[in-house]
């Protein structure tokens, strides 16, 4: 195993130990309706993670709205890769509010321990 793999494994173990609140990844499957309209059904996957804010420089560099949330999810063997149009329900630990977000961008850290997700609040 590589050094980054070892670090990622150790980090996942530490982070999964009740440090992060519970979150839910809602994996979207498109459904075509009777009149050709597209909607989505969602399959829920329990995970751990939290929502916070991106710094202003990251928001500007990506052209994201100031209300775009940063969601960090801990990777696990059972968590599918989040993709565009999936949704996440996550808590903001600082004010203990929970909201649902539509994924607009996904990256992972070099050690493959977390996903960093840009999400727009689902109204």
Protein backbone atom coordinates (compact mmCIF):
# COMPACT_ATOMS: atom_id res chain seq x y z
CA UNK A 1 0.00 0.00 0.00
CA UNK A 2 1.26 3.52 -0.77
CA UNK A 3 2.02 6.13 1.84
CA UNK A 4 -1.03 8.16 0.76
CA UNK A 5 -3.14 5.02 0.98
CA UNK A 6 -1.90 4.39 4.52
CA UNK A 7 -2.63 8.00 5.47
CA UNK A 8 -6.09 7.81 3.91
CA UNK A 9 -6.90 4.60 5.75
CA UNK A 10 -5.74 6.03 9.09
CA UNK A 11 -7.64 9.27 8.49
CA UNK A 12 -10.86 7.44 7.60
CA UNK A 13 -10.59 5.36 10.77
CA UNK A 14 -10.09 8.45 12.91
CA UNK A 15 -12.84 10.46 11.22
CA UNK A 16 -15.42 7.68 11.38
CA UNK A 17 -15.08 7.55 15.18
CA UNK A 18 -18.06 9.88 15.86
CA UNK A 19 -16.11 13.02 14.96
CA UNK A 20 -18.37 13.92 12.04
CA UNK A 21 -22.17 13.96 12.21
CA UNK A 22 -24.28 11.54 10.22
CA UNK A 23 -25.07 12.55 6.64
CA UNK A 24 -26.99 10.98 3.77
CA UNK A 25 -25.95 10.74 0.12
CA UNK A 26 -29.07 10.60 -2.09
CA UNK A 27 -27.98 8.92 -5.35
CA UNK A 28 -30.09 10.17 -8.27
CA UNK A 29 -31.53 7.97 -11.01
CA UNK A 30 -33.22 9.83 -13.89
CA UNK A 31 -36.78 8.81 -14.74
CA UNK A 32 -38.47 9.83 -18.01
CA UNK A 33 -42.14 10.63 -17.50
CA UNK A 34 -45.12 9.96 -19.74
CA UNK A 35 -44.68 13.31 -21.55
CA UNK A 36 -40.87 13.16 -21.86
CA UNK A 37 -40.16 15.14 -18.70
CA UNK A 38 -37.19 14.06 -16.60
CA UNK A 39 -37.36 13.68 -12.85
CA UNK A 40 -35.20 11.77 -10.39
CA UNK A 41 -35.69 9.02 -7.87
CA UNK A 42 -33.17 8.75 -5.05
CA UNK A 43 -31.50 5.83 -3.26
CA UNK A 44 -30.18 6.82 0.17
CA UNK A 45 -26.72 5.90 1.46
CA UNK A 46 -25.81 6.61 5.09
CA UNK A 47 -22.42 8.24 5.57
CA UNK A 48 -20.64 10.77 7.76
CA UNK A 49 -19.74 14.34 6.89
CA UNK A 50 -20.62 17.97 7.41
CA UNK A 51 -21.45 21.20 5.58
CA UNK A 52 -19.50 24.44 5.84
CA UNK A 53 -18.56 27.43 3.68
CA UNK A 54 -16.02 27.74 0.87
CA UNK A 55 -13.49 30.56 1.15
CA UNK A 56 -14.19 33.60 -1.07
CA UNK A 57 -11.22 32.87 -3.35
CA UNK A 58 -12.47 29.35 -4.15
CA UNK A 59 -16.00 30.62 -4.81
CA UNK A 60 -14.71 33.30 -7.20
CA UNK A 61 -12.25 30.99 -8.98
CA UNK A 62 -15.03 28.49 -9.75
CA UNK A 63 -17.74 31.06 -10.51
CA UNK A 64 -19.92 29.70 -7.72
CA UNK A 65 -22.66 31.63 -5.95
CA UNK A 66 -21.77 32.84 -2.44
CA UNK A 67 -24.39 30.46 -1.04
CA UNK A 68 -22.68 27.33 -2.43
CA UNK A 69 -21.96 25.04 0.50
CA UNK A 70 -18.81 23.00 1.01
CA UNK A 71 -19.74 19.48 2.08
CA UNK A 72 -17.06 17.06 3.27
CA UNK A 73 -17.94 13.35 3.21
CA UNK A 74 -15.72 10.61 4.61
CA UNK A 75 -15.06 7.98 1.95
CA UNK A 76 -15.86 4.36 2.76
CA UNK A 77 -16.02 1.05 0.91
CA UNK A 78 -19.84 1.22 0.83
CA UNK A 79 -20.24 4.87 -0.18
CA UNK A 80 -20.69 5.36 -3.94
CA UNK A 81 -18.79 8.17 -5.63
CA UNK A 82 -21.00 11.29 -5.39
CA UNK A 83 -21.90 12.64 -8.83
CA UNK A 84 -23.57 15.69 -10.32
CA UNK A 85 -27.31 15.82 -9.62
CA UNK A 86 -27.03 13.54 -6.58
CA UNK A 87 -28.06 15.23 -3.36
CA UNK A 88 -26.66 15.27 0.17
CA UNK A 89 -28.32 15.92 3.50
CA UNK A 90 -25.70 17.25 5.89
CA UNK A 91 -25.41 19.21 9.14
CA UNK A 92 -23.55 22.48 9.74
CA UNK A 93 -21.90 21.71 13.11
CA UNK A 94 -21.40 25.35 14.09
CA UNK A 95 -25.12 26.10 14.22
CA UNK A 96 -26.47 22.51 14.22
CA UNK A 97 -28.73 23.04 11.18
CA UNK A 98 -29.39 20.29 8.66
CA UNK A 99 -30.19 20.92 4.99
CA UNK A 100 -30.32 19.12 1.67
CA UNK A 101 -27.99 20.14 -1.17
CA UNK A 102 -27.77 19.30 -4.90
CA UNK A 103 -24.21 18.40 -5.94
CA UNK A 104 -22.64 20.73 -8.50
CA UNK A 105 -18.97 19.67 -8.18
CA UNK A 106 -16.99 16.81 -6.56
CA UNK A 107 -13.30 16.32 -5.82
CA UNK A 108 -11.38 14.03 -3.48
CA UNK A 109 -8.29 14.64 -1.41
CA UNK A 110 -4.93 13.12 -2.42
CA UNK A 111 -5.20 10.43 0.26
CA UNK A 112 -8.71 9.40 -0.91
CA UNK A 113 -10.11 9.83 2.60
CA UNK A 114 -12.78 12.45 1.87
CA UNK A 115 -14.89 13.88 -0.93
CA UNK A 116 -15.18 17.67 -1.10
CA UNK A 117 -18.51 18.56 -2.65
CA UNK A 118 -19.96 21.87 -3.83
CA UNK A 119 -23.68 21.90 -3.16
CA UNK A 120 -26.58 24.23 -3.81
CA UNK A 121 -29.42 24.31 -1.30
CA UNK A 122 -32.46 22.35 -2.51
CA UNK A 123 -35.56 24.48 -1.99
